[in-house]
C-alpha cells in the first residue's frame, strides 16, 4: 500500500514507520504512517476497506505535516504525491525559519 509514496520518501532521505490500527466501531481498516527527516513528526492516516474481490480500496488519506492545524484530505495516492512534491520542501523551510526565530529570541 502506498508504494509510490514510500519510494518518494526514501529518495528524499525521509524515515518512516507504519502501524496498523483496527478500529472497533467502524468497518474501515486504518494505517498510521509517520515520517520525517530527523523526527517522525508528520503523519498520514490511511483509511481503507476491501472490495468484494478482496482487493484493498483506499477510502481516504489524511496528511498532517508538523505544526499544521488542519489535515489535508486526499482520495488517491497520486493527489497525495503531487501535494508532497509541491509543499514538503516549502514546509521544511518554514519550520527552519521558525526554529531560527526561537533561537535568536
N, C-alpha and C. Protein backbone atom coordinates (compact mmCIF):
# COMPACT_ATOMS: atom_id res chain seq x y z
N UNK A 1 0.85 -1.18 0.00
CA UNK A 1 0.00 0.00 0.00
C UNK A 1 0.89 1.24 0.00
N UNK A 2 0.58 2.18 -0.85
CA UNK A 2 1.31 3.45 -1.00
C UNK A 2 2.79 3.23 -1.37
N UNK A 3 3.02 2.37 -2.33
CA UNK A 3 4.39 2.05 -2.74
C UNK A 3 5.09 3.27 -3.34
N UNK A 4 4.38 4.04 -4.16
CA UNK A 4 4.99 5.23 -4.78
C UNK A 4 5.34 6.27 -3.72
N UNK A 5 4.51 6.40 -2.70
CA UNK A 5 4.79 7.36 -1.62
C UNK A 5 6.03 6.92 -0.84
N UNK A 6 6.13 5.64 -0.54
CA UNK A 6 7.30 5.12 0.18
C UNK A 6 8.58 5.35 -0.64
N UNK A 7 8.51 5.10 -1.94
CA UNK A 7 9.69 5.32 -2.79
C UNK A 7 10.08 6.79 -2.82
N UNK A 8 9.10 7.68 -2.89
CA UNK A 8 9.38 9.12 -2.88
C UNK A 8 10.06 9.53 -1.58
N UNK A 9 9.58 9.01 -0.46
CA UNK A 9 10.17 9.36 0.84
C UNK A 9 11.60 8.82 0.95
N UNK A 10 11.83 7.60 0.47
CA UNK A 10 13.19 7.02 0.51
C UNK A 10 14.15 7.83 -0.36
N UNK A 11 13.70 8.27 -1.52
CA UNK A 11 14.57 9.03 -2.43
C UNK A 11 14.95 10.38 -1.83
N UNK A 12 14.09 10.95 -0.99
CA UNK A 12 14.35 12.26 -0.39
C UNK A 12 14.85 12.15 1.05
N UNK A 13 15.36 10.98 1.43
CA UNK A 13 16.00 10.74 2.73
C UNK A 13 15.06 10.96 3.92
N UNK A 14 13.83 10.53 3.79
CA UNK A 14 12.88 10.56 4.90
C UNK A 14 12.81 9.18 5.53
N UNK A 15 12.67 9.16 6.84
CA UNK A 15 12.43 7.91 7.55
C UNK A 15 10.94 7.76 7.72
N UNK A 16 10.46 6.52 7.80
CA UNK A 16 9.04 6.33 8.03
C UNK A 16 8.79 5.07 8.85
N UNK A 17 7.62 5.05 9.47
CA UNK A 17 7.21 3.90 10.29
C UNK A 17 5.72 3.72 10.07
N UNK A 18 5.30 2.49 9.82
CA UNK A 18 3.90 2.20 9.54
C UNK A 18 3.33 1.34 10.66
N UNK A 19 2.18 1.75 11.21
CA UNK A 19 1.50 0.95 12.22
C UNK A 19 0.06 0.72 11.79
N UNK A 20 -0.49 -0.40 12.20
CA UNK A 20 -1.84 -0.79 11.81
C UNK A 20 -2.77 -0.62 13.00
N UNK A 21 -3.96 -0.07 12.75
CA UNK A 21 -4.97 0.09 13.79
C UNK A 21 -6.26 -0.54 13.29
N UNK A 22 -6.90 -1.31 14.13
CA UNK A 22 -8.20 -1.89 13.78
C UNK A 22 -9.26 -1.22 14.67
N UNK A 23 -9.97 -0.20 14.14
CA UNK A 23 -10.98 0.47 14.95
C UNK A 23 -12.14 -0.47 15.30
N UNK A 24 -12.69 -0.27 16.48
CA UNK A 24 -13.77 -1.14 16.93
C UNK A 24 -15.13 -0.77 16.35
N UNK A 25 -15.36 0.51 16.14
CA UNK A 25 -16.71 0.96 15.78
C UNK A 25 -16.94 1.15 14.28
N UNK A 26 -15.91 1.11 13.47
CA UNK A 26 -16.08 1.33 12.03
C UNK A 26 -15.58 0.12 11.24
N UNK A 27 -16.12 -0.12 10.07
CA UNK A 27 -15.67 -1.27 9.28
C UNK A 27 -14.35 -1.03 8.55
N UNK A 28 -13.88 0.22 8.50
CA UNK A 28 -12.63 0.52 7.80
C UNK A 28 -11.42 0.04 8.59
N UNK A 29 -10.37 -0.30 7.88
CA UNK A 29 -9.08 -0.56 8.49
C UNK A 29 -8.26 0.71 8.37
N UNK A 30 -7.30 0.89 9.28
CA UNK A 30 -6.55 2.14 9.32
C UNK A 30 -5.05 1.85 9.47
N UNK A 31 -4.26 2.48 8.62
CA UNK A 31 -2.81 2.52 8.79
C UNK A 31 -2.42 3.93 9.20
N UNK A 32 -1.54 4.05 10.18
CA UNK A 32 -0.96 5.33 10.55
C UNK A 32 0.49 5.27 10.09
N UNK A 33 0.84 6.20 9.27
CA UNK A 33 2.13 6.22 8.59
C UNK A 33 2.84 7.49 9.03
N UNK A 34 3.87 7.38 9.88
CA UNK A 34 4.59 8.53 10.40
C UNK A 34 5.91 8.66 9.64
N UNK A 35 6.29 9.90 9.29
CA UNK A 35 7.52 10.11 8.54
C UNK A 35 8.14 11.44 8.89
N UNK A 36 9.44 11.58 8.59
CA UNK A 36 10.16 12.81 8.81
C UNK A 36 11.65 12.63 8.53
N UNK A 37 12.38 13.74 8.49
CA UNK A 37 13.83 13.67 8.26
C UNK A 37 14.54 13.20 9.52
N UNK A 38 14.37 13.92 10.64
CA UNK A 38 15.03 13.56 11.89
C UNK A 38 14.04 12.93 12.87
N UNK A 39 12.89 13.57 13.02
CA UNK A 39 11.85 13.07 13.90
C UNK A 39 10.65 12.64 13.07
N UNK A 40 9.94 11.65 13.54
CA UNK A 40 8.75 11.18 12.82
C UNK A 40 7.55 12.01 13.26
N UNK A 41 7.54 13.30 12.87
CA UNK A 41 6.50 14.20 13.35
C UNK A 41 5.47 14.57 12.29
N UNK A 42 5.52 13.96 11.11
CA UNK A 42 4.50 14.14 10.08
C UNK A 42 3.68 12.86 10.04
N UNK A 43 2.40 12.98 9.70
CA UNK A 43 1.54 11.81 9.83
C UNK A 43 0.58 11.67 8.65
N UNK A 44 0.48 10.44 8.15
CA UNK A 44 -0.52 10.06 7.16
C UNK A 44 -1.44 9.04 7.82
N UNK A 45 -2.74 9.24 7.69
CA UNK A 45 -3.70 8.26 8.18
C UNK A 45 -4.44 7.74 6.96
N UNK A 46 -4.30 6.45 6.69
CA UNK A 46 -4.90 5.84 5.52
C UNK A 46 -6.07 4.98 5.97
N UNK A 47 -7.26 5.35 5.53
CA UNK A 47 -8.46 4.55 5.82
C UNK A 47 -8.79 3.77 4.56
N UNK A 48 -8.88 2.46 4.72
CA UNK A 48 -9.16 1.62 3.56
C UNK A 48 -10.12 0.50 3.92
N UNK A 49 -10.74 -0.03 2.91
CA UNK A 49 -11.64 -1.17 3.06
C UNK A 49 -11.28 -2.20 2.01
N UNK A 50 -12.14 -3.18 1.87
CA UNK A 50 -11.90 -4.24 0.88
C UNK A 50 -13.07 -4.31 -0.07
N UNK A 51 -12.76 -4.52 -1.35
CA UNK A 51 -13.79 -4.73 -2.35
C UNK A 51 -14.32 -6.15 -2.22
N UNK A 52 -15.36 -6.46 -2.93
CA UNK A 52 -15.92 -7.82 -2.85
C UNK A 52 -14.96 -8.87 -3.41
N UNK A 53 -13.98 -8.41 -4.22
CA UNK A 53 -12.98 -9.34 -4.77
C UNK A 53 -11.83 -9.57 -3.80
N UNK A 54 -11.79 -8.81 -2.70
CA UNK A 54 -10.73 -8.97 -1.71
C UNK A 54 -9.61 -7.97 -1.86
N UNK A 55 -9.65 -7.15 -2.90
CA UNK A 55 -8.61 -6.15 -3.10
C UNK A 55 -8.83 -4.97 -2.17
N UNK A 56 -7.73 -4.31 -1.81
CA UNK A 56 -7.83 -3.15 -0.92
C UNK A 56 -8.24 -1.92 -1.72
N UNK A 57 -9.12 -1.11 -1.12
CA UNK A 57 -9.58 0.13 -1.74
C UNK A 57 -9.36 1.26 -0.74
N UNK A 58 -8.56 2.25 -1.11
CA UNK A 58 -8.30 3.38 -0.23
C UNK A 58 -9.51 4.30 -0.26
N UNK A 59 -10.07 4.55 0.93
CA UNK A 59 -11.23 5.43 1.03
C UNK A 59 -10.80 6.88 1.24
N UNK A 60 -9.76 7.08 2.04
CA UNK A 60 -9.34 8.44 2.38
C UNK A 60 -7.91 8.43 2.90
N UNK A 61 -7.16 9.47 2.54
CA UNK A 61 -5.80 9.66 3.04
C UNK A 61 -5.75 11.03 3.70
N UNK A 62 -5.44 11.06 4.99
CA UNK A 62 -5.31 12.33 5.73
C UNK A 62 -3.83 12.60 5.95
N UNK A 63 -3.39 13.79 5.59
CA UNK A 63 -2.00 14.19 5.77
C UNK A 63 -1.95 15.36 6.74
N UNK A 64 -1.13 15.22 7.77
CA UNK A 64 -0.91 16.33 8.68
C UNK A 64 0.60 16.50 8.83
N UNK A 65 1.11 17.56 8.25
CA UNK A 65 2.52 17.89 8.40
C UNK A 65 2.73 18.54 9.76
N UNK A 66 3.96 18.55 10.22
CA UNK A 66 4.29 19.08 11.54
C UNK A 66 3.86 20.55 11.64
N UNK A 67 3.18 20.90 12.72
CA UNK A 67 2.70 22.25 13.03
C UNK A 67 1.50 22.68 12.19
N UNK A 68 0.91 21.80 11.40
CA UNK A 68 -0.30 22.15 10.66
C UNK A 68 -1.52 21.98 11.56
N UNK A 69 -2.47 22.87 11.44
CA UNK A 69 -3.67 22.82 12.28
C UNK A 69 -4.72 21.86 11.74
N UNK A 70 -4.92 21.85 10.43
CA UNK A 70 -5.97 21.03 9.83
C UNK A 70 -5.36 20.03 8.86
N UNK A 71 -5.82 18.77 8.88
CA UNK A 71 -5.27 17.78 7.95
C UNK A 71 -5.71 18.04 6.52
N UNK A 72 -4.89 17.64 5.58
CA UNK A 72 -5.24 17.69 4.16
C UNK A 72 -5.79 16.32 3.81
N UNK A 73 -6.90 16.27 3.11
CA UNK A 73 -7.56 15.01 2.80
C UNK A 73 -7.47 14.75 1.30
N UNK A 74 -7.04 13.52 0.95
CA UNK A 74 -6.87 13.12 -0.44
C UNK A 74 -7.65 11.84 -0.70
N UNK A 75 -8.09 11.66 -1.93
CA UNK A 75 -8.80 10.44 -2.33
C UNK A 75 -7.86 9.41 -2.95
N UNK A 76 -6.79 9.88 -3.62
CA UNK A 76 -5.89 8.96 -4.30
C UNK A 76 -4.44 9.24 -3.91
N UNK A 77 -3.60 8.25 -4.15
CA UNK A 77 -2.18 8.40 -3.87
C UNK A 77 -1.53 9.41 -4.81
N UNK A 78 -2.02 9.52 -6.03
CA UNK A 78 -1.47 10.49 -6.99
C UNK A 78 -1.67 11.91 -6.50
N UNK A 79 -2.85 12.21 -5.96
CA UNK A 79 -3.10 13.55 -5.41
C UNK A 79 -2.17 13.84 -4.24
N UNK A 80 -1.97 12.83 -3.40
CA UNK A 80 -1.06 12.97 -2.26
C UNK A 80 0.36 13.26 -2.72
N UNK A 81 0.84 12.51 -3.70
CA UNK A 81 2.21 12.71 -4.19
C UNK A 81 2.40 14.09 -4.81
N UNK A 82 1.42 14.55 -5.56
CA UNK A 82 1.51 15.90 -6.13
C UNK A 82 1.62 16.95 -5.04
N UNK A 83 0.83 16.79 -3.99
CA UNK A 83 0.88 17.75 -2.88
C UNK A 83 2.24 17.68 -2.17
N UNK A 84 2.73 16.47 -1.91
CA UNK A 84 4.01 16.33 -1.22
C UNK A 84 5.15 16.94 -2.04
N UNK A 85 5.17 16.70 -3.33
CA UNK A 85 6.23 17.23 -4.18
C UNK A 85 6.23 18.75 -4.18
N UNK A 86 5.06 19.36 -4.11
CA UNK A 86 4.98 20.82 -4.15
C UNK A 86 5.17 21.48 -2.78
N UNK A 87 4.75 20.84 -1.71
CA UNK A 87 4.68 21.52 -0.42
C UNK A 87 5.65 21.04 0.65
N UNK A 88 6.22 19.86 0.50
CA UNK A 88 7.05 19.30 1.57
C UNK A 88 8.31 20.12 1.81
N UNK A 89 9.00 20.51 0.76
CA UNK A 89 10.23 21.29 0.92
C UNK A 89 9.93 22.70 1.44
N UNK A 90 8.83 23.29 0.95
CA UNK A 90 8.43 24.60 1.47
C UNK A 90 8.11 24.54 2.96
N UNK A 91 7.48 23.46 3.36
CA UNK A 91 7.13 23.29 4.77
C UNK A 91 8.38 23.17 5.65
N UNK A 92 9.39 22.44 5.16
CA UNK A 92 10.65 22.33 5.91
C UNK A 92 11.34 23.68 6.05
N UNK A 93 11.30 24.49 5.01
CA UNK A 93 11.91 25.82 5.07
C UNK A 93 11.21 26.67 6.11
N UNK A 94 9.88 26.61 6.16
CA UNK A 94 9.13 27.37 7.17
C UNK A 94 9.49 26.93 8.58
N UNK A 95 9.63 25.61 8.79
CA UNK A 95 9.98 25.11 10.12
C UNK A 95 11.38 25.55 10.54
N UNK A 96 12.32 25.57 9.60
CA UNK A 96 13.67 26.05 9.91
C UNK A 96 13.65 27.53 10.28
N UNK A 97 12.84 28.30 9.59
CA UNK A 97 12.72 29.73 9.90
C UNK A 97 12.14 29.93 11.30
N UNK A 98 11.16 29.12 11.65
CA UNK A 98 10.57 29.22 13.00
C UNK A 98 11.61 28.87 14.06
N UNK A 99 12.41 27.84 13.82
CA UNK A 99 13.46 27.45 14.77
C UNK A 99 14.49 28.56 14.92
N UNK A 100 14.87 29.19 13.82
CA UNK A 100 15.85 30.27 13.87
C UNK A 100 15.33 31.47 14.64
N UNK A 101 14.05 31.78 14.48
CA UNK A 101 13.46 32.88 15.22
C UNK A 101 13.45 32.60 16.72
N UNK A 102 13.14 31.36 17.08
CA UNK A 102 13.12 30.99 18.50
C UNK A 102 14.52 31.04 19.11
N UNK A 103 15.53 30.65 18.33
CA UNK A 103 16.91 30.67 18.83
C UNK A 103 17.40 32.09 19.06
N UNK A 104 17.03 33.01 18.18
CA UNK A 104 17.50 34.39 18.32
C UNK A 104 16.74 35.15 19.39
N UNK A 105 15.54 34.69 19.75
CA UNK A 105 14.75 35.39 20.77
C UNK A 105 15.21 35.12 22.18
